[in-house]
Amino acid sequence: MEPIEILRREHSMVRLVLDAASRDLDQVVMTRAADATELERLIEFFRYFADACHDPKEEDLLFCMLHRRGMSWETWPLDELLKEHEEMRVILDSAADWLPLLRQGEPAAIDPLVHNLRTYVALVDGHIEKEEDVVFPLAQRYLTSGDVEELRQAFDSIEEEEEEEGVRDYYAELAHRLSRAAAL
């Protein structure tokens, strides 16, 4: 599969969970009650699928290839996208920090947890839009056929490893489970 298509497919899965998170957070705000286990699953998905599986494909492969073709790490869009990836990690860590208090029944944990997750959802949504509307077209224009083949081989290797380990299936199922649970 083409590298950009793999990233788009993964973006679709992330957006499915972003939508679920938005619905869950709306429910938390309305009821002033939160299911810590469900919020923990959302954070798990974002931390381990988006951050640990998806983002390295962008940072270590696509962005590096764009850099090799002349894009600077210090200017837009790469500088902004990398900063946003780091900001996403910090926000998720902050959200996760509130989970133990929420599990203890501390109502004061709800507002900061909701704030962090809403901030995360908005940041990721805008980030994906930039990648799909700006970076992917730039990649298609600037990368040579050799670059694309090199990326394809690297992506295929990662995809094989993820398939062997069951990573892709696990997170696809988790994404759909979170989406179904948020619809209830």
N, C-alpha and C. Protein backbone atom coordinates (compact mmCIF):
# COMPACT_ATOMS: atom_id res chain seq x y z
N MET A 1 0.86 -1.18 0.00
CA MET A 1 0.00 0.00 0.00
C MET A 1 0.90 1.24 0.00
N GLU A 2 0.45 2.28 -0.64
CA GLU A 2 1.20 3.53 -0.69
C GLU A 2 1.32 4.14 0.71
N PRO A 3 2.49 4.70 1.03
CA PRO A 3 2.70 5.28 2.37
C PRO A 3 1.65 6.33 2.76
N ILE A 4 1.33 7.21 1.85
CA ILE A 4 0.34 8.26 2.18
C ILE A 4 -1.01 7.63 2.47
N GLU A 5 -1.36 6.58 1.73
CA GLU A 5 -2.65 5.91 1.97
C GLU A 5 -2.68 5.22 3.33
N ILE A 6 -1.54 4.67 3.74
CA ILE A 6 -1.46 4.07 5.08
C ILE A 6 -1.71 5.15 6.13
N LEU A 7 -1.07 6.30 5.97
CA LEU A 7 -1.26 7.39 6.94
C LEU A 7 -2.70 7.89 6.92
N ARG A 8 -3.29 8.00 5.75
CA ARG A 8 -4.71 8.42 5.66
C ARG A 8 -5.62 7.41 6.36
N ARG A 9 -5.35 6.13 6.15
CA ARG A 9 -6.16 5.08 6.80
C ARG A 9 -6.04 5.22 8.32
N GLU A 10 -4.83 5.44 8.79
CA GLU A 10 -4.64 5.61 10.23
C GLU A 10 -5.31 6.88 10.73
N HIS A 11 -5.26 7.95 9.95
CA HIS A 11 -5.96 9.17 10.33
C HIS A 11 -7.46 8.90 10.48
N SER A 12 -8.02 8.11 9.59
CA SER A 12 -9.45 7.79 9.69
C SER A 12 -9.77 7.08 11.00
N MET A 13 -8.89 6.17 11.40
CA MET A 13 -9.11 5.47 12.66
C MET A 13 -8.98 6.44 13.84
N VAL A 14 -8.00 7.32 13.79
CA VAL A 14 -7.84 8.31 14.86
C VAL A 14 -9.06 9.22 14.91
N ARG A 15 -9.56 9.65 13.77
CA ARG A 15 -10.74 10.52 13.76
C ARG A 15 -11.96 9.82 14.33
N LEU A 16 -12.09 8.53 14.09
CA LEU A 16 -13.19 7.77 14.66
C LEU A 16 -13.15 7.87 16.18
N VAL A 17 -11.95 7.76 16.75
CA VAL A 17 -11.81 7.84 18.21
C VAL A 17 -11.92 9.29 18.70
N LEU A 18 -11.46 10.25 17.90
CA LEU A 18 -11.66 11.65 18.27
C LEU A 18 -13.15 11.96 18.40
N ASP A 19 -13.94 11.46 17.46
CA ASP A 19 -15.39 11.68 17.52
C ASP A 19 -15.98 11.01 18.76
N ALA A 20 -15.52 9.80 19.06
CA ALA A 20 -16.00 9.10 20.26
C ALA A 20 -15.62 9.89 21.51
N ALA A 21 -14.40 10.39 21.55
CA ALA A 21 -13.95 11.17 22.70
C ALA A 21 -14.81 12.42 22.88
N SER A 22 -15.12 13.09 21.78
CA SER A 22 -15.97 14.30 21.86
C SER A 22 -17.33 13.96 22.44
N ARG A 23 -17.93 12.87 21.98
CA ARG A 23 -19.24 12.47 22.51
C ARG A 23 -19.14 12.10 23.99
N ASP A 24 -18.09 11.35 24.35
CA ASP A 24 -17.91 10.99 25.76
C ASP A 24 -17.74 12.23 26.63
N LEU A 25 -16.93 13.17 26.16
CA LEU A 25 -16.68 14.38 26.94
C LEU A 25 -17.93 15.22 27.07
N ASP A 26 -18.74 15.30 26.02
CA ASP A 26 -20.03 16.01 26.11
C ASP A 26 -20.91 15.39 27.19
N GLN A 27 -20.91 14.05 27.25
CA GLN A 27 -21.70 13.33 28.25
C GLN A 27 -21.17 13.61 29.65
N VAL A 28 -19.86 13.63 29.80
CA VAL A 28 -19.26 13.92 31.11
C VAL A 28 -19.66 15.32 31.58
N VAL A 29 -19.60 16.28 30.68
CA VAL A 29 -19.95 17.65 31.04
C VAL A 29 -21.43 17.74 31.43
N MET A 30 -22.29 17.05 30.69
CA MET A 30 -23.73 17.09 30.99
C MET A 30 -24.06 16.42 32.32
N THR A 31 -23.44 15.29 32.60
CA THR A 31 -23.80 14.51 33.79
C THR A 31 -22.93 14.81 35.00
N ARG A 32 -21.76 15.45 34.76
CA ARG A 32 -20.76 15.70 35.81
C ARG A 32 -20.28 14.39 36.43
N ALA A 33 -20.34 13.33 35.62
CA ALA A 33 -19.83 12.03 36.05
C ALA A 33 -18.99 11.46 34.91
N ALA A 34 -17.92 10.77 35.27
CA ALA A 34 -17.03 10.24 34.24
C ALA A 34 -16.70 8.79 34.52
N ASP A 35 -16.65 8.02 33.46
CA ASP A 35 -16.22 6.63 33.54
C ASP A 35 -14.71 6.61 33.33
N ALA A 36 -13.98 6.44 34.42
CA ALA A 36 -12.51 6.49 34.37
C ALA A 36 -11.96 5.42 33.44
N THR A 37 -12.57 4.26 33.42
CA THR A 37 -12.08 3.17 32.56
C THR A 37 -12.23 3.55 31.09
N GLU A 38 -13.34 4.14 30.73
CA GLU A 38 -13.55 4.54 29.33
C GLU A 38 -12.59 5.67 28.93
N LEU A 39 -12.39 6.62 29.80
CA LEU A 39 -11.43 7.70 29.50
C LEU A 39 -10.01 7.15 29.43
N GLU A 40 -9.71 6.19 30.26
CA GLU A 40 -8.39 5.56 30.21
C GLU A 40 -8.19 4.83 28.88
N ARG A 41 -9.23 4.18 28.37
CA ARG A 41 -9.15 3.51 27.07
C ARG A 41 -8.91 4.51 25.94
N LEU A 42 -9.56 5.65 26.02
CA LEU A 42 -9.34 6.70 25.02
C LEU A 42 -7.87 7.14 25.04
N ILE A 43 -7.39 7.41 26.24
CA ILE A 43 -5.99 7.84 26.38
C ILE A 43 -5.05 6.75 25.89
N GLU A 44 -5.36 5.50 26.22
CA GLU A 44 -4.54 4.38 25.75
C GLU A 44 -4.47 4.37 24.22
N PHE A 45 -5.63 4.50 23.57
CA PHE A 45 -5.64 4.50 22.11
C PHE A 45 -4.76 5.62 21.57
N PHE A 46 -4.97 6.82 22.08
CA PHE A 46 -4.20 7.96 21.57
C PHE A 46 -2.71 7.80 21.87
N ARG A 47 -2.39 7.35 23.05
CA ARG A 47 -0.99 7.24 23.44
C ARG A 47 -0.28 6.13 22.65
N TYR A 48 -0.91 4.99 22.53
CA TYR A 48 -0.20 3.86 21.95
C TYR A 48 -0.42 3.70 20.44
N PHE A 49 -1.59 4.07 19.95
CA PHE A 49 -1.76 3.97 18.50
C PHE A 49 -1.28 5.25 17.83
N ALA A 50 -1.88 6.39 18.20
CA ALA A 50 -1.54 7.65 17.51
C ALA A 50 -0.09 8.04 17.76
N ASP A 51 0.32 8.02 19.01
CA ASP A 51 1.66 8.50 19.35
C ASP A 51 2.75 7.47 19.08
N ALA A 52 2.55 6.22 19.48
CA ALA A 52 3.63 5.24 19.38
C ALA A 52 3.67 4.48 18.05
N CYS A 53 2.52 4.32 17.39
CA CYS A 53 2.51 3.60 16.11
C CYS A 53 2.46 4.54 14.90
N HIS A 54 1.59 5.53 14.96
CA HIS A 54 1.36 6.40 13.80
C HIS A 54 2.41 7.51 13.66
N ASP A 55 2.60 8.28 14.73
CA ASP A 55 3.49 9.44 14.64
C ASP A 55 4.92 9.09 14.20
N PRO A 56 5.50 7.96 14.65
CA PRO A 56 6.84 7.65 14.16
C PRO A 56 6.91 7.44 12.64
N LYS A 57 5.84 6.94 12.05
CA LYS A 57 5.83 6.79 10.59
C LYS A 57 5.95 8.15 9.93
N GLU A 58 5.33 9.14 10.53
CA GLU A 58 5.42 10.50 9.99
C GLU A 58 6.79 11.09 10.31
N GLU A 59 7.14 11.12 11.59
CA GLU A 59 8.37 11.79 12.02
C GLU A 59 9.63 11.13 11.47
N ASP A 60 9.72 9.82 11.62
CA ASP A 60 10.95 9.12 11.29
C ASP A 60 11.07 8.74 9.82
N LEU A 61 9.95 8.70 9.13
CA LEU A 61 10.00 8.28 7.73
C LEU A 61 9.60 9.42 6.79
N LEU A 62 8.33 9.81 6.80
CA LEU A 62 7.86 10.82 5.83
C LEU A 62 8.55 12.16 6.03
N PHE A 63 8.55 12.67 7.26
CA PHE A 63 9.15 13.98 7.50
C PHE A 63 10.64 13.97 7.20
N CYS A 64 11.31 12.88 7.57
CA CYS A 64 12.74 12.78 7.27
C CYS A 64 12.98 12.77 5.77
N MET A 65 12.13 12.10 5.03
CA MET A 65 12.27 12.07 3.58
C MET A 65 12.02 13.47 3.00
N LEU A 66 11.04 14.18 3.52
CA LEU A 66 10.79 15.55 3.06
C LEU A 66 11.98 16.45 3.39
N HIS A 67 12.58 16.23 4.55
CA HIS A 67 13.77 16.98 4.92
C HIS A 67 14.91 16.70 3.93
N ARG A 68 15.07 15.45 3.58
CA ARG A 68 16.10 15.10 2.60
C ARG A 68 15.86 15.79 1.26
N ARG A 69 14.61 16.08 0.96
CA ARG A 69 14.26 16.76 -0.30
C ARG A 69 14.26 18.28 -0.14
N GLY A 70 14.74 18.78 0.99
CA GLY A 70 14.93 20.22 1.11
C GLY A 70 14.07 20.96 2.11
N MET A 71 13.09 20.30 2.71
CA MET A 71 12.29 20.98 3.73
C MET A 71 13.10 21.12 5.00
N SER A 72 13.04 22.28 5.59
CA SER A 72 13.80 22.55 6.81
C SER A 72 13.02 22.09 8.04
N TRP A 73 13.77 21.59 9.03
CA TRP A 73 13.16 21.24 10.30
C TRP A 73 12.74 22.49 11.06
N GLU A 74 13.35 23.64 10.73
CA GLU A 74 13.12 24.87 11.49
C GLU A 74 12.02 25.76 10.91
N THR A 75 11.41 25.38 9.79
CA THR A 75 10.36 26.22 9.22
C THR A 75 9.11 25.40 8.97
N TRP A 76 8.06 26.13 8.68
CA TRP A 76 6.76 25.52 8.43
C TRP A 76 6.84 24.67 7.18
N PRO A 77 6.22 23.51 7.14
CA PRO A 77 5.30 22.92 8.11
C PRO A 77 5.95 21.96 9.11
N LEU A 78 7.16 21.48 8.82
CA LEU A 78 7.75 20.44 9.67
C LEU A 78 7.94 20.89 11.11
N ASP A 79 8.40 22.12 11.32
CA ASP A 79 8.61 22.58 12.70
C ASP A 79 7.31 22.56 13.48
N GLU A 80 6.24 23.03 12.87
CA GLU A 80 4.95 23.10 13.55
C GLU A 80 4.39 21.70 13.82
N LEU A 81 4.50 20.82 12.85
CA LEU A 81 3.97 19.47 13.02
C LEU A 81 4.71 18.72 14.12
N LEU A 82 6.02 18.85 14.16
CA LEU A 82 6.79 18.20 15.22
C LEU A 82 6.46 18.78 16.60
N LYS A 83 6.31 20.11 16.67
CA LYS A 83 5.93 20.74 17.95
C LYS A 83 4.56 20.24 18.40
N GLU A 84 3.64 20.10 17.44
CA GLU A 84 2.31 19.62 17.79
C GLU A 84 2.36 18.17 18.28
N HIS A 85 3.17 17.32 17.65
CA HIS A 85 3.30 15.95 18.15
C HIS A 85 3.76 15.96 19.60
N GLU A 86 4.74 16.79 19.92
CA GLU A 86 5.23 16.88 21.30
C GLU A 86 4.15 17.43 22.23
N GLU A 87 3.45 18.45 21.78
CA GLU A 87 2.37 19.04 22.58
C GLU A 87 1.29 18.00 22.87
N MET A 88 0.97 17.17 21.87
CA MET A 88 -0.03 16.12 22.07
C MET A 88 0.41 15.16 23.17
N ARG A 89 1.68 14.80 23.18
CA ARG A 89 2.20 13.89 24.21
C ARG A 89 2.05 14.51 25.61
N VAL A 90 2.38 15.77 25.72
CA VAL A 90 2.30 16.46 27.01
C VAL A 90 0.85 16.53 27.49
N ILE A 91 -0.06 16.84 26.59
CA ILE A 91 -1.48 16.94 26.95
C ILE A 91 -2.01 15.59 27.41
N LEU A 92 -1.66 14.52 26.70
CA LEU A 92 -2.11 13.18 27.11
C LEU A 92 -1.55 12.81 28.48
N ASP A 93 -0.29 13.13 28.71
CA ASP A 93 0.29 12.87 30.02
C ASP A 93 -0.46 13.62 31.11
N SER A 94 -0.79 14.86 30.84
CA SER A 94 -1.52 15.66 31.81
C SER A 94 -2.91 15.07 32.07
N ALA A 95 -3.58 14.66 31.00
CA ALA A 95 -4.90 14.05 31.16
C ALA A 95 -4.79 12.78 32.00
N ALA A 96 -3.81 11.95 31.68
CA ALA A 96 -3.62 10.69 32.42
C ALA A 96 -3.32 10.93 33.89
N ASP A 97 -2.68 12.03 34.20
CA ASP A 97 -2.36 12.36 35.59
C ASP A 97 -3.61 12.52 36.45
N TRP A 98 -4.74 12.88 35.84
CA TRP A 98 -5.97 13.10 36.58
C TRP A 98 -6.77 11.81 36.80
N LEU A 99 -6.43 10.75 36.06
CA LEU A 99 -7.20 9.51 36.18
C LEU A 99 -7.19 8.90 37.59
N PRO A 100 -6.05 8.85 38.28
CA PRO A 100 -6.09 8.27 39.64
C PRO A 100 -7.05 9.01 40.57
N LEU A 101 -7.06 10.33 40.48
CA LEU A 101 -7.99 11.11 41.32
C LEU A 101 -9.43 10.84 40.92
N LEU A 102 -9.69 10.72 39.62
CA LEU A 102 -11.04 10.41 39.15
C LEU A 102 -11.47 9.04 39.68
N ARG A 103 -10.57 8.07 39.63
CA ARG A 103 -10.87 6.72 40.14
C ARG A 103 -11.17 6.74 41.65
N GLN A 104 -10.57 7.68 42.36
CA GLN A 104 -10.81 7.81 43.80
C GLN A 104 -12.11 8.56 44.09
N GLY A 105 -12.81 8.98 43.03
CA GLY A 105 -14.07 9.68 43.21
C GLY A 105 -13.94 11.17 43.43
N GLU A 106 -12.80 11.72 43.13
CA GLU A 106 -12.54 13.15 43.34
C GLU A 106 -13.20 13.94 42.20
N PRO A 107 -14.29 14.66 42.49
CA PRO A 107 -14.99 15.40 41.43
C PRO A 107 -14.16 16.53 40.83
N ALA A 108 -13.18 17.04 41.59
CA ALA A 108 -12.34 18.13 41.08
C ALA A 108 -11.46 17.66 39.92
N ALA A 109 -11.33 16.35 39.69
CA ALA A 109 -10.51 15.84 38.60
C ALA A 109 -11.22 15.94 37.25
N ILE A 110 -12.53 16.07 37.27
CA ILE A 110 -13.30 16.04 36.02
C ILE A 110 -12.96 17.21 35.11
N ASP A 111 -13.01 18.43 35.64
CA ASP A 111 -12.80 19.60 34.77
C ASP A 111 -11.43 19.63 34.10
N PRO A 112 -10.33 19.42 34.84
CA PRO A 112 -9.04 19.45 34.15
C PRO A 112 -8.87 18.28 33.16
N LEU A 113 -9.42 17.14 33.50
CA LEU A 113 -9.33 15.99 32.59
C LEU A 113 -10.10 16.27 31.31
N VAL A 114 -11.30 16.80 31.44
CA VAL A 114 -12.10 17.16 30.26
C VAL A 114 -11.39 18.24 29.45
N HIS A 115 -10.86 19.23 30.15
CA HIS A 115 -10.15 20.31 29.45
C HIS A 115 -8.98 19.75 28.64
N ASN A 116 -8.17 18.90 29.28
CA ASN A 116 -7.02 18.33 28.57
C ASN A 116 -7.46 17.52 27.36
N LEU A 117 -8.46 16.68 27.53
CA LEU A 117 -8.89 15.83 26.41
C LEU A 117 -9.55 16.64 25.30
N ARG A 118 -10.31 17.67 25.65
CA ARG A 118 -10.89 18.53 24.60
C ARG A 118 -9.77 19.27 23.84
N THR A 119 -8.78 19.74 24.57
CA THR A 119 -7.64 20.40 23.93
C THR A 119 -6.93 19.43 22.99
N TYR A 120 -6.74 18.22 23.45
CA TYR A 120 -6.09 17.19 22.64
C TYR A 120 -6.90 16.93 21.37
N VAL A 121 -8.19 16.72 21.51
CA VAL A 121 -9.06 16.42 20.36
C VAL A 121 -8.97 17.54 19.33
N ALA A 122 -9.05 18.78 19.77
CA ALA A 122 -8.99 19.92 18.83
C ALA A 122 -7.62 20.00 18.16
N LEU A 123 -6.57 19.79 18.92
CA LEU A 123 -5.22 19.86 18.37
C LEU A 123 -5.00 18.77 17.33
N VAL A 124 -5.38 17.55 17.64
CA VAL A 124 -5.19 16.43 16.70
C VAL A 124 -6.03 16.63 15.46
N ASP A 125 -7.25 17.08 15.62
CA ASP A 125 -8.12 17.29 14.45
C ASP A 125 -7.50 18.31 13.49
N GLY A 126 -7.03 19.43 14.02
CA GLY A 126 -6.38 20.43 13.18
C GLY A 126 -5.07 19.94 12.59
N HIS A 127 -4.36 19.15 13.36
CA HIS A 127 -3.08 18.58 12.92
C HIS A 127 -3.29 17.65 11.73
N ILE A 128 -4.26 16.77 11.83
CA ILE A 128 -4.56 15.85 10.73
C ILE A 128 -4.95 16.63 9.49
N GLU A 129 -5.73 17.67 9.67
CA GLU A 129 -6.15 18.50 8.53
C GLU A 129 -4.93 19.10 7.82
N LYS A 130 -3.96 19.61 8.59
CA LYS A 130 -2.74 20.17 7.99
C LYS A 130 -1.98 19.12 7.21
N GLU A 131 -1.86 17.94 7.81
CA GLU A 131 -1.12 16.89 7.13
C GLU A 131 -1.80 16.48 5.83
N GLU A 132 -3.09 16.30 5.89
CA GLU A 132 -3.80 15.84 4.70
C GLU A 132 -3.94 16.91 3.63
N ASP A 133 -4.14 18.15 4.05
CA ASP A 133 -4.35 19.23 3.07
C ASP A 133 -3.06 19.87 2.58
N VAL A 134 -1.99 19.81 3.37
CA VAL A 134 -0.75 20.50 3.00
C VAL A 134 0.41 19.52 2.80
N VAL A 135 0.70 18.74 3.82
CA VAL A 135 1.91 17.90 3.79
C VAL A 135 1.81 16.77 2.78
N PHE A 136 0.69 16.08 2.74
CA PHE A 136 0.59 14.96 1.81
C PHE A 136 0.67 15.43 0.36
N PRO A 137 -0.01 16.51 -0.02
CA PRO A 137 0.18 17.01 -1.39
C PRO A 137 1.62 17.44 -1.67
N LEU A 138 2.28 18.06 -0.68
CA LEU A 138 3.69 18.43 -0.85
C LEU A 138 4.54 17.18 -1.07
N ALA A 139 4.27 16.15 -0.31
CA ALA A 139 5.03 14.91 -0.45
C ALA A 139 4.84 14.32 -1.84
N GLN A 140 3.63 14.33 -2.31
CA GLN A 140 3.37 13.77 -3.64
C GLN A 140 4.06 14.59 -4.73
N ARG A 141 4.24 15.87 -4.46
CA ARG A 141 4.89 16.73 -5.46
C ARG A 141 6.41 16.66 -5.38
N TYR A 142 6.97 16.57 -4.19
CA TYR A 142 8.42 16.69 -4.02
C TYR A 142 9.17 15.36 -3.99
N LEU A 143 8.52 14.31 -3.56
CA LEU A 143 9.24 13.05 -3.44
C LEU A 143 9.38 12.37 -4.80
N THR A 144 10.53 11.82 -5.03
CA THR A 144 10.79 11.11 -6.28
C THR A 144 10.17 9.71 -6.19
N SER A 145 10.10 9.03 -7.31
CA SER A 145 9.59 7.67 -7.29
C SER A 145 10.49 6.78 -6.43
N GLY A 146 11.79 7.04 -6.44
CA GLY A 146 12.72 6.29 -5.57
C GLY A 146 12.44 6.54 -4.10
N ASP A 147 12.13 7.80 -3.76
CA ASP A 147 11.79 8.14 -2.37
C ASP A 147 10.53 7.38 -1.94
N VAL A 148 9.53 7.40 -2.82
CA VAL A 148 8.26 6.73 -2.51
C VAL A 148 8.49 5.23 -2.33
N GLU A 149 9.31 4.65 -3.18
CA GLU A 149 9.61 3.22 -3.05
C GLU A 149 10.34 2.93 -1.74
N GLU A 150 11.27 3.79 -1.37
CA GLU A 150 11.98 3.62 -0.10
C GLU A 150 11.01 3.71 1.08
N LEU A 151 10.10 4.68 1.01
CA LEU A 151 9.09 4.81 2.06
C LEU A 151 8.17 3.59 2.07
N ARG A 152 7.77 3.13 0.89
CA ARG A 152 6.87 1.98 0.79
C ARG A 152 7.51 0.77 1.47
N GLN A 153 8.78 0.55 1.20
CA GLN A 153 9.46 -0.59 1.82
C GLN A 153 9.52 -0.45 3.34
N ALA A 154 9.82 0.75 3.81
CA ALA A 154 9.87 0.99 5.26
C ALA A 154 8.48 0.81 5.89
N PHE A 155 7.46 1.36 5.24
CA PHE A 155 6.10 1.24 5.75
C PHE A 155 5.66 -0.22 5.73
N ASP A 156 5.96 -0.93 4.63
CA ASP A 156 5.59 -2.34 4.53
C ASP A 156 6.22 -3.16 5.65
N SER A 157 7.47 -2.85 5.97
CA SER A 157 8.17 -3.56 7.04
C SER A 157 7.46 -3.32 8.38
N ILE A 158 7.10 -2.07 8.63
CA ILE A 158 6.40 -1.74 9.88
C ILE A 158 5.02 -2.40 9.90
N GLU A 159 4.32 -2.34 8.78
CA GLU A 159 2.99 -2.95 8.68
C GLU A 159 3.06 -4.45 8.96
N GLU A 160 4.06 -5.12 8.40
CA GLU A 160 4.25 -6.56 8.64
C GLU A 160 4.46 -6.84 10.12
N GLU A 161 5.32 -6.05 10.73
CA GLU A 161 5.60 -6.22 12.15
C GLU A 161 4.34 -5.98 12.98
N GLU A 162 3.60 -4.92 12.66
CA GLU A 162 2.37 -4.61 13.39
C GLU A 162 1.34 -5.72 13.20
N GLU A 163 1.27 -6.28 12.00
CA GLU A 163 0.33 -7.37 11.75
C GLU A 163 0.72 -8.62 12.54
N GLU A 164 2.00 -8.97 12.50
CA GLU A 164 2.48 -10.14 13.24
C GLU A 164 2.20 -10.02 14.73
N GLU A 165 2.37 -8.82 15.26
CA GLU A 165 2.15 -8.59 16.69
C GLU A 165 0.68 -8.35 17.03
N GLY A 166 -0.17 -8.22 16.02
CA GLY A 166 -1.59 -7.99 16.24
C GLY A 166 -1.92 -6.56 16.60
N VAL A 167 -0.96 -5.66 16.43
CA VAL A 167 -1.14 -4.26 16.83
C VAL A 167 -2.27 -3.60 16.04
N ARG A 168 -2.21 -3.74 14.72
CA ARG A 168 -3.20 -3.07 13.88
C ARG A 168 -4.61 -3.56 14.21
N ASP A 169 -4.78 -4.88 14.31
CA ASP A 169 -6.10 -5.43 14.61
C ASP A 169 -6.58 -5.01 16.00
N TYR A 170 -5.67 -5.02 16.97
CA TYR A 170 -6.04 -4.63 18.33
C TYR A 170 -6.56 -3.20 18.37
N TYR A 171 -5.81 -2.28 17.75
CA TYR A 171 -6.22 -0.88 17.82
C TYR A 171 -7.40 -0.57 16.92
N ALA A 172 -7.56 -1.29 15.82
CA ALA A 172 -8.76 -1.12 14.99
C ALA A 172 -9.99 -1.55 15.78
N GLU A 173 -9.89 -2.69 16.47
CA GLU A 173 -11.01 -3.16 17.29
C GLU A 173 -11.27 -2.19 18.44
N LEU A 174 -10.22 -1.71 19.09
CA LEU A 174 -10.39 -0.74 20.17
C LEU A 174 -11.07 0.53 19.66
N ALA A 175 -10.64 1.02 18.52
CA ALA A 175 -11.25 2.23 17.93
C ALA A 175 -12.75 2.02 17.70
N HIS A 176 -13.12 0.88 17.15
CA HIS A 176 -14.54 0.61 16.88
C HIS A 176 -15.33 0.40 18.18
N ARG A 177 -14.70 -0.25 19.15
CA ARG A 177 -15.36 -0.44 20.44
C ARG A 177 -15.60 0.91 21.13
N LEU A 178 -14.59 1.79 21.10
CA LEU A 178 -14.75 3.12 21.70
C LEU A 178 -15.84 3.91 20.97
N SER A 179 -15.87 3.79 19.68
CA SER A 179 -16.87 4.51 18.89
C SER A 179 -18.28 4.01 19.22
N ARG A 180 -18.44 2.69 19.32
CA ARG A 180 -19.76 2.12 19.64
C ARG A 180 -20.17 2.52 21.06
N ALA A 181 -19.23 2.47 22.01
CA ALA A 181 -19.54 2.79 23.40
C ALA A 181 -19.95 4.26 23.54
N ALA A 182 -19.32 5.14 22.77
CA ALA A 182 -19.65 6.57 22.86
C ALA A 182 -20.99 6.87 22.23
N ALA A 183 -21.45 6.02 21.34
CA ALA A 183 -22.73 6.24 20.67
C ALA A 183 -23.90 5.90 21.56
N LEU A 184 -23.64 5.17 22.64
CA LEU A 184 -24.73 4.73 23.54
C LEU A 184 -25.23 5.84 24.43
